[in-house]
Amino acid sequence: MYHRPIFDALEAHLPDTQVTVITGMRRTGKTTALKYLLEKTAHSNKIYFDLERLEYRRIFTRNSFSEMQADIAFLGFDFSQNGVIAIDEVQLVPEVVSFIKYYHDHFSVKFIISGSSSYYLKNRITESLAGRKRIFEIFPLDFLEFLRFKGVDEAGLAAQRLLPFRPLVFSAYQHHYEEYLRYGGFPQVVLADSPEQKEQALKDILNSYLELDVKILSDYSIIDDLFKLVTLLSSRVGNKLDYQKIGVLLGLNRHKIRDYIQLFEATYFLHLIGPFAPNPDRSIAVQPKIFIADNGLMNQFAQVGSGAIFENSVANQLLRLGKLNYFQKKSGQEIDFVLDEKTAIEVKETPSVFDLNTLHSRAAGISLTQTMLVGRFPPGNNFSDFVWGGCIF
């Protein structure tokens, strides 16, 4: 089992009586995290249920809590002592939330639950377990985690986080970063041995996402529309959303398009990045920009340019660091990203002095003193006043 930084936060919450809720997109490592917590539970009064298994789903759809308790006790759990009950894929059985609430309140049971549908978990559980839970979100691997999973020593890169470009660091890790840009950060994909296996793993993830997660939250009949929409959106990463235009292209009502995109965002498939407007009168950008949550998924749906591939990855990398916006003036001049309303960031595949000077000028125009130019390749003229994309984590 590979150790991920979020495991430390999860383990720290293990002694807490609150329900530990682990959510995120399918195949990001939620089950692994859940089982890690079970291993860290010192006592033996613990039990694990995977609700993808029919016999376990039946337990939590019995007629009464006493029947559920009897079944769980039969499997070896002692309700008279402190214990841990871990439930995986909780979104598959809505009734389980009531069971968790009752036994959390009346017994010394620590619940650890996981599920893939963000919308269901955040709404259903927030309503039913108010004050009783803490939600942890798991995302695809960042680049530092990617290296760890690949068995590459990441210590040298870790020391270069957000620092100016260094040729030796670039040459040591470029090959791995290019693989990261192409195939993304799903653990199963990262660990696959060949490009063919990686492609197949990504297809499996896509199918399971649409078939298992999206179907739970939508009408089966709209799956074809959703697939077409995802394909279209993947080809437009980094662009502002025009619901009307997309609706015309797909022959769908723009209100449906909005609802579908909200569904994709709620289930972690994409991120919407809104405009930064310190003075609304000077900004015409009101639509959010769209980015797909993993480069591997994006590349499965659409053939996009190398610049868009790089920008999509940088967007996901920056989202781990704080609040992310973009800025656009009435003139059309734009800053790719604004991090935490403090740092203006421009993304260029091959950065230059001109790009840096332009960034400084545009940032000063909106009173931002912190800037970061992000590049993918060195320009070849010894210019190094930029951050290599692989050093953003």
Protein backbone atom coordinates (compact mmCIF):
# COMPACT_ATOMS: atom_id res chain seq x y z
CA MET A 1 0.00 0.00 0.00
CA TYR A 2 1.37 3.41 -1.00
CA HIS A 3 1.13 6.09 1.64
CA ARG A 4 -0.68 9.25 0.55
CA PRO A 5 -0.60 12.55 2.46
CA ILE A 6 -4.35 12.46 3.06
CA PHE A 7 -3.87 9.25 5.06
CA ASP A 8 -2.28 11.32 7.84
CA ALA A 9 -5.35 13.54 8.14
CA LEU A 10 -7.64 10.51 8.05
CA GLU A 11 -5.64 8.70 10.72
CA ALA A 12 -5.71 11.78 12.93
CA HIS A 13 -9.51 11.74 12.70
CA LEU A 14 -9.77 8.04 13.53
CA PRO A 15 -10.07 8.53 17.35
CA ASP A 16 -12.76 11.17 16.83
CA THR A 17 -16.30 9.99 17.44
CA GLN A 18 -17.52 11.82 14.32
CA VAL A 19 -18.30 9.75 11.25
CA THR A 20 -15.34 9.77 8.85
CA VAL A 21 -16.71 10.30 5.34
CA ILE A 22 -14.35 9.62 2.41
CA THR A 23 -15.56 10.77 -0.99
CA GLY A 24 -14.19 11.48 -4.44
CA MET A 25 -14.39 10.19 -7.97
CA ARG A 26 -14.36 6.45 -8.59
CA ARG A 27 -10.92 4.74 -8.57
CA THR A 28 -9.12 7.56 -6.77
CA GLY A 29 -8.26 5.35 -3.78
CA LYS A 30 -11.18 5.66 -1.37
CA THR A 31 -11.35 1.93 -0.61
CA THR A 32 -7.60 1.85 -0.05
CA ALA A 33 -7.90 4.74 2.41
CA LEU A 34 -10.78 3.04 4.22
CA LYS A 35 -8.84 -0.21 4.59
CA TYR A 36 -5.79 1.74 5.74
CA LEU A 37 -7.84 3.13 8.62
CA LEU A 38 -9.04 -0.35 9.53
CA GLU A 39 -5.43 -1.52 9.67
CA LYS A 40 -4.63 1.40 11.98
CA THR A 41 -7.47 0.42 14.34
CA ALA A 42 -5.69 -1.24 17.25
CA HIS A 43 -8.52 -3.42 18.56
CA SER A 44 -10.15 -6.35 16.78
CA ASN A 45 -13.79 -5.26 17.07
CA LYS A 46 -14.04 -3.96 13.53
CA ILE A 47 -15.89 -5.00 10.40
CA TYR A 48 -15.90 -4.02 6.73
CA PHE A 49 -18.85 -3.96 4.31
CA ASP A 50 -18.56 -3.43 0.57
CA LEU A 51 -22.05 -2.47 -0.59
CA GLU A 52 -21.28 -3.54 -4.13
CA ARG A 53 -21.86 -7.03 -2.73
CA LEU A 54 -25.52 -7.98 -2.75
CA GLU A 55 -25.42 -9.90 0.54
CA TYR A 56 -24.18 -6.80 2.36
CA ARG A 57 -26.74 -4.52 0.71
CA ARG A 58 -29.44 -6.85 1.99
CA ILE A 59 -28.28 -6.34 5.57
CA PHE A 60 -28.93 -2.60 5.43
CA THR A 61 -32.30 -2.96 3.72
CA ARG A 62 -33.81 -5.17 6.42
CA ASN A 63 -37.13 -4.14 8.00
CA SER A 64 -35.69 -2.90 11.27
CA PHE A 65 -32.46 -1.76 12.92
CA SER A 66 -32.63 -4.74 15.27
CA GLU A 67 -32.53 -7.11 12.29
CA MET A 68 -29.57 -5.24 10.84
CA GLN A 69 -27.82 -5.36 14.21
CA ALA A 70 -28.45 -9.10 14.51
CA ASP A 71 -26.92 -9.75 11.09
CA ILE A 72 -23.85 -7.65 11.84
CA ALA A 73 -23.42 -9.31 15.23
CA PHE A 74 -23.65 -12.71 13.53
CA LEU A 75 -20.68 -11.68 11.37
CA GLY A 76 -18.62 -11.06 14.51
CA PHE A 77 -19.15 -7.45 15.56
CA ASP A 78 -19.77 -6.79 19.27
CA PHE A 79 -22.12 -3.83 19.78
CA SER A 80 -21.54 -3.90 23.55
CA GLN A 81 -17.94 -2.69 23.09
CA ASN A 82 -16.20 0.15 21.31
CA GLY A 83 -15.88 -0.77 17.66
CA VAL A 84 -15.37 0.40 14.10
CA ILE A 85 -17.78 -0.27 11.23
CA ALA A 86 -16.43 0.55 7.77
CA ILE A 87 -18.93 0.80 4.90
CA ASP A 88 -17.74 1.17 1.30
CA GLU A 89 -19.85 2.48 -1.62
CA VAL A 90 -22.44 3.87 0.78
CA GLN A 91 -24.29 5.71 -1.98
CA LEU A 92 -25.64 2.37 -3.26
CA VAL A 93 -27.97 1.96 -0.24
CA PRO A 94 -29.63 5.23 0.82
CA GLU A 95 -31.16 3.54 3.88
CA VAL A 96 -27.74 3.02 5.43
CA VAL A 97 -27.51 6.68 6.49
CA SER A 98 -30.37 6.28 8.97
CA PHE A 99 -28.66 3.21 10.42
CA ILE A 100 -25.40 5.13 10.83
CA LYS A 101 -27.16 8.03 12.54
CA TYR A 102 -28.97 5.80 15.03
CA TYR A 103 -25.98 3.64 16.00
CA HIS A 104 -23.65 6.63 16.14
CA ASP A 105 -25.99 8.25 18.66
CA HIS A 106 -26.81 5.20 20.78
CA PHE A 107 -23.74 2.94 20.66
CA SER A 108 -19.96 3.32 20.92
CA VAL A 109 -19.46 2.77 17.21
CA LYS A 110 -17.01 4.67 15.06
CA PHE A 111 -18.21 4.73 11.44
CA ILE A 112 -15.89 5.09 8.46
CA ILE A 113 -17.78 5.35 5.20
CA SER A 114 -16.83 5.97 1.60
CA GLY A 115 -18.66 6.64 -1.63
CA SER A 116 -18.13 7.92 -5.13
CA SER A 117 -21.07 10.24 -5.69
CA SER A 118 -20.19 13.62 -4.26
CA TYR A 119 -23.65 15.07 -4.81
CA TYR A 120 -25.35 12.27 -2.89
CA LEU A 121 -22.86 12.22 -0.06
CA LYS A 122 -22.61 15.95 0.48
CA ASN A 123 -26.36 16.51 0.42
CA ARG A 124 -27.85 13.36 1.91
CA ILE A 125 -25.20 13.00 4.59
CA THR A 126 -25.06 16.71 5.39
CA GLU A 127 -28.80 16.67 6.03
CA SER A 128 -28.91 13.41 7.99
CA LEU A 129 -25.62 13.56 9.88
CA ALA A 130 -25.43 17.25 10.73
CA GLY A 131 -22.75 17.74 13.39
CA ARG A 132 -21.87 14.04 13.30
CA LYS A 133 -19.45 13.79 10.39
CA ARG A 134 -16.36 15.17 8.70
CA ILE A 135 -15.94 14.85 4.93
CA PHE A 136 -12.55 14.07 3.36
CA GLU A 137 -12.15 14.35 -0.41
CA ILE A 138 -9.69 12.17 -2.33
CA PHE A 139 -8.48 13.26 -5.77
CA PRO A 140 -6.22 11.69 -8.39
CA LEU A 141 -2.52 11.69 -7.51
CA ASP A 142 -0.59 14.92 -7.65
CA PHE A 143 2.77 14.76 -9.42
CA LEU A 144 4.75 14.11 -6.25
CA GLU A 145 2.47 11.19 -5.39
CA PHE A 146 2.72 10.03 -9.00
CA LEU A 147 6.49 9.71 -8.62
CA ARG A 148 6.11 7.79 -5.36
CA PHE A 149 3.74 5.30 -7.00
CA LYS A 150 6.20 4.91 -9.88
CA GLY A 151 8.99 4.09 -7.45
CA VAL A 152 10.91 7.25 -8.35
CA ASP A 153 12.77 9.13 -5.61
CA GLU A 154 10.73 12.32 -5.24
CA ALA A 155 12.92 13.97 -2.58
CA GLY A 156 14.87 16.02 -5.08
CA LEU A 157 11.70 17.39 -6.64
CA ALA A 158 10.00 18.00 -3.29
CA ALA A 159 12.72 20.48 -2.40
CA GLN A 160 11.98 22.45 -5.60
CA ARG A 161 8.31 23.13 -4.91
CA LEU A 162 7.29 26.40 -6.64
CA LEU A 163 10.93 27.45 -7.08
CA PRO A 164 12.41 28.97 -10.27
CA PHE A 165 13.36 26.66 -13.11
CA ARG A 166 16.49 24.52 -12.76
CA PRO A 167 17.74 22.52 -15.80
CA LEU A 168 18.93 19.55 -13.71
CA VAL A 169 15.54 19.15 -12.05
CA PHE A 170 13.82 19.39 -15.44
CA SER A 171 16.06 16.77 -17.06
CA ALA A 172 15.64 14.39 -14.10
CA TYR A 173 11.85 14.46 -14.01
CA GLN A 174 10.64 15.64 -17.44
CA HIS A 175 9.95 12.16 -18.80
CA HIS A 176 7.74 11.37 -15.82
CA TYR A 177 5.89 14.68 -16.01
CA GLU A 178 5.11 14.15 -19.68
CA GLU A 179 3.61 10.75 -18.78
CA TYR A 180 1.61 12.48 -16.04
CA LEU A 181 0.29 15.01 -18.57
CA ARG A 182 -0.75 12.23 -20.94
CA TYR A 183 -2.28 9.65 -18.61
CA GLY A 184 -3.17 11.59 -15.47
CA GLY A 185 -3.10 10.52 -11.84
CA PHE A 186 -5.53 7.67 -11.21
CA PRO A 187 -3.53 5.15 -9.14
CA GLN A 188 -4.62 2.18 -11.26
CA VAL A 189 -3.48 3.96 -14.42
CA VAL A 190 -0.17 5.10 -12.92
CA LEU A 191 0.66 1.55 -11.84
CA ALA A 192 -0.23 -0.01 -15.21
CA ASP A 193 2.87 -1.27 -17.02
CA SER A 194 2.21 -0.36 -20.64
CA PRO A 195 0.44 2.39 -22.60
CA GLU A 196 -2.12 -0.17 -23.72
CA GLN A 197 -2.90 -1.15 -20.14
CA LYS A 198 -3.15 2.51 -19.14
CA GLU A 199 -5.60 3.21 -21.95
CA GLN A 200 -7.71 0.21 -20.97
CA ALA A 201 -7.71 1.27 -17.32
CA LEU A 202 -8.90 4.75 -18.28
CA LYS A 203 -11.70 3.29 -20.39
CA ASP A 204 -12.76 1.13 -17.44
CA ILE A 205 -12.80 4.17 -15.16
CA LEU A 206 -14.90 6.13 -17.64
CA ASN A 207 -17.38 3.29 -18.05
CA SER A 208 -17.73 2.74 -14.32
CA TYR A 209 -18.19 6.46 -13.73
CA LEU A 210 -20.99 6.74 -16.27
CA GLU A 211 -22.60 3.39 -15.48
CA LEU A 212 -22.35 3.41 -11.69
CA ASP A 213 -22.09 7.01 -10.50
CA VAL A 214 -23.96 9.08 -13.05
CA LYS A 215 -26.85 6.63 -13.36
CA ILE A 216 -27.52 6.89 -9.63
CA LEU A 217 -28.06 10.61 -9.92
CA SER A 218 -29.70 10.87 -13.33
CA ASP A 219 -32.18 9.29 -15.68
CA TYR A 220 -30.80 6.34 -17.64
CA SER A 221 -32.22 7.82 -20.84
CA ILE A 222 -29.91 10.83 -20.73
CA ILE A 223 -26.65 8.88 -20.65
CA ASP A 224 -26.12 9.33 -24.41
CA ASP A 225 -26.61 13.09 -24.06
CA LEU A 226 -24.17 13.20 -21.17
CA PHE A 227 -21.55 11.29 -23.14
CA LYS A 228 -21.86 13.74 -26.05
CA LEU A 229 -21.63 16.67 -23.67
CA VAL A 230 -18.51 15.31 -21.97
CA THR A 231 -16.84 14.85 -25.34
CA LEU A 232 -17.66 18.42 -26.32
CA LEU A 233 -16.53 19.87 -23.00
CA SER A 234 -13.25 17.94 -23.09
CA SER A 235 -12.40 19.62 -26.38
CA ARG A 236 -13.00 23.03 -24.80
CA VAL A 237 -10.87 22.88 -21.66
CA GLY A 238 -9.66 26.31 -20.62
CA ASN A 239 -12.52 28.06 -22.42
CA LYS A 240 -15.44 29.94 -20.93
CA LEU A 241 -18.75 28.11 -20.82
CA ASP A 242 -21.37 29.27 -23.28
CA TYR A 243 -24.44 27.26 -22.35
CA GLN A 244 -26.46 28.61 -25.26
CA LYS A 245 -23.84 27.69 -27.86
CA ILE A 246 -23.27 24.23 -26.41
CA GLY A 247 -27.01 23.66 -26.35
CA VAL A 248 -27.29 24.56 -30.04
CA LEU A 249 -24.41 22.23 -30.96
CA LEU A 250 -25.97 19.31 -29.09
CA GLY A 251 -29.61 20.12 -29.75
CA LEU A 252 -30.34 20.47 -26.04
CA ASN A 253 -31.95 23.16 -23.91
CA ARG A 254 -29.36 25.41 -22.28
CA HIS A 255 -30.99 24.85 -18.89
CA LYS A 256 -30.45 21.11 -19.29
CA ILE A 257 -26.83 21.79 -20.24
CA ARG A 258 -26.41 23.77 -17.04
CA ASP A 259 -27.95 20.97 -14.97
CA TYR A 260 -25.76 18.32 -16.61
CA ILE A 261 -22.60 20.34 -16.02
CA GLN A 262 -23.55 20.80 -12.38
CA LEU A 263 -23.91 17.02 -12.17
CA PHE A 264 -20.42 16.52 -13.63
CA GLU A 265 -18.97 19.02 -11.19
CA ALA A 266 -20.78 17.44 -8.24
CA THR A 267 -19.35 14.01 -9.11
CA TYR A 268 -15.78 15.32 -9.44
CA PHE A 269 -15.50 14.87 -13.20
CA LEU A 270 -14.76 18.51 -13.91
CA HIS A 271 -13.95 21.82 -12.23
CA LEU A 272 -15.49 25.19 -12.98
CA ILE A 273 -13.21 28.16 -12.32
CA GLY A 274 -14.98 31.48 -11.92
CA PRO A 275 -13.78 34.98 -12.76
CA PHE A 276 -11.75 37.18 -10.44
CA ALA A 277 -13.33 40.63 -10.43
CA PRO A 278 -11.84 43.08 -7.92
CA ASN A 279 -13.77 45.78 -9.79
CA PRO A 280 -16.81 44.30 -11.58
CA ASP A 281 -17.07 47.31 -13.88
CA ARG A 282 -13.72 46.42 -15.44
CA SER A 283 -14.41 42.75 -16.03
CA ILE A 284 -16.74 41.35 -18.67
CA ALA A 285 -16.01 37.70 -17.91
CA VAL A 286 -18.94 36.20 -16.07
CA GLN A 287 -18.96 32.61 -17.31
CA PRO A 288 -16.74 30.08 -15.57
CA LYS A 289 -13.96 28.27 -17.37
CA ILE A 290 -14.04 24.50 -17.55
CA PHE A 291 -11.28 22.03 -16.74
CA ILE A 292 -11.49 18.23 -16.67
CA ALA A 293 -10.45 16.76 -13.32
CA ASP A 294 -7.81 14.40 -14.75
CA ASN A 295 -5.74 14.65 -17.91
CA GLY A 296 -6.07 10.95 -18.65
CA LEU A 297 -9.85 11.25 -18.74
CA MET A 298 -9.72 14.36 -20.89
CA ASN A 299 -7.43 12.70 -23.41
CA GLN A 300 -9.82 9.76 -23.68
CA PHE A 301 -12.64 12.00 -24.84
CA ALA A 302 -10.96 14.52 -27.12
CA GLN A 303 -7.83 15.26 -29.08
CA VAL A 304 -6.80 18.68 -27.79
CA GLY A 305 -3.70 20.75 -28.38
CA SER A 306 -0.59 20.34 -26.27
CA GLY A 307 -1.10 23.79 -24.76
CA ALA A 308 -4.58 22.86 -23.53
CA ILE A 309 -3.27 19.59 -22.12
CA PHE A 310 -0.64 21.48 -20.14
CA GLU A 311 -3.04 24.18 -18.94
CA ASN A 312 -5.61 21.60 -17.80
CA SER A 313 -3.00 19.81 -15.70
CA VAL A 314 -1.69 23.05 -14.20
CA ALA A 315 -5.26 24.04 -13.29
CA ASN A 316 -5.74 20.77 -11.40
CA GLN A 317 -2.36 21.14 -9.73
CA LEU A 318 -3.15 24.69 -8.59
CA LEU A 319 -6.59 23.72 -7.30
CA ARG A 320 -4.84 21.64 -4.62
CA LEU A 321 -3.12 24.81 -3.37
CA GLY A 322 -6.10 27.09 -2.80
CA LYS A 323 -8.93 29.07 -4.35
CA LEU A 324 -8.52 29.47 -8.10
CA ASN A 325 -9.99 32.09 -10.45
CA TYR A 326 -9.12 33.67 -13.79
CA PHE A 327 -9.19 37.32 -14.86
CA GLN A 328 -10.25 39.04 -18.06
CA LYS A 329 -10.49 42.75 -18.85
CA LYS A 330 -12.98 44.43 -21.17
CA SER A 331 -10.20 44.69 -23.74
CA GLY A 332 -9.90 40.91 -23.77
CA GLN A 333 -6.53 40.90 -21.99
CA GLU A 334 -6.43 37.97 -19.65
CA ILE A 335 -4.55 36.38 -16.76
CA ASP A 336 -4.83 32.58 -16.85
CA PHE A 337 -5.23 32.10 -13.10
CA VAL A 338 -5.42 34.03 -9.86
CA LEU A 339 -4.57 31.94 -6.79
CA ASP A 340 -6.16 32.86 -3.46
CA GLU A 341 -6.88 36.35 -4.85
CA LYS A 342 -3.19 37.15 -4.36
CA THR A 343 -1.05 35.58 -7.07
CA ALA A 344 -1.40 36.17 -10.82
CA ILE A 345 -0.36 33.10 -12.82
CA GLU A 346 0.29 32.74 -16.54
CA VAL A 347 0.77 29.34 -18.19
CA LYS A 348 2.98 29.05 -21.29
CA GLU A 349 4.42 25.92 -22.83
CA THR A 350 7.64 27.78 -23.68
CA PRO A 351 7.83 30.87 -21.43
CA SER A 352 9.76 34.01 -22.30
CA VAL A 353 10.85 37.34 -20.86
CA PHE A 354 8.04 38.96 -22.83
CA ASP A 355 5.49 36.67 -21.13
CA LEU A 356 6.88 37.59 -17.73
CA ASN A 357 6.81 41.32 -18.40
CA THR A 358 3.24 41.07 -19.73
CA LEU A 359 2.19 39.16 -16.63
CA HIS A 360 3.76 41.78 -14.34
CA SER A 361 1.96 44.57 -16.19
CA ARG A 362 -1.44 42.90 -16.13
CA ALA A 363 -1.10 41.90 -12.48
CA ALA A 364 -0.16 45.44 -11.49
CA GLY A 365 -3.29 46.66 -13.26
CA ILE A 366 -5.43 44.80 -10.72
CA SER A 367 -3.13 45.49 -7.74
CA LEU A 368 -1.63 42.01 -7.53
CA THR A 369 2.04 42.09 -6.55
CA GLN A 370 2.67 38.34 -6.57
CA THR A 371 3.14 36.61 -9.91
CA MET A 372 4.10 33.19 -11.22
CA LEU A 373 4.98 32.29 -14.78
CA VAL A 374 4.55 28.55 -15.34
CA GLY A 375 6.32 26.73 -18.18
CA ARG A 376 6.50 23.27 -19.65
CA PHE A 377 9.72 23.52 -21.69
CA PRO A 378 12.82 25.71 -21.25
CA PRO A 379 13.05 28.42 -23.93
CA GLY A 380 16.68 27.65 -24.86
CA ASN A 381 18.07 31.13 -24.15
CA ASN A 382 18.95 30.63 -20.48
CA PHE A 383 15.75 32.31 -19.32
CA SER A 384 14.86 30.69 -16.01
CA ASP A 385 12.55 33.11 -14.21
CA PHE A 386 9.61 30.74 -14.31
CA VAL A 387 8.32 27.70 -12.44
CA TRP A 388 8.42 24.38 -14.26
CA GLY A 389 4.99 22.70 -14.26
CA GLY A 390 6.33 19.61 -12.49
CA CYS A 391 7.21 21.72 -9.43
CA ILE A 392 3.59 22.71 -8.69
CA PHE A 393 2.19 20.58 -5.89
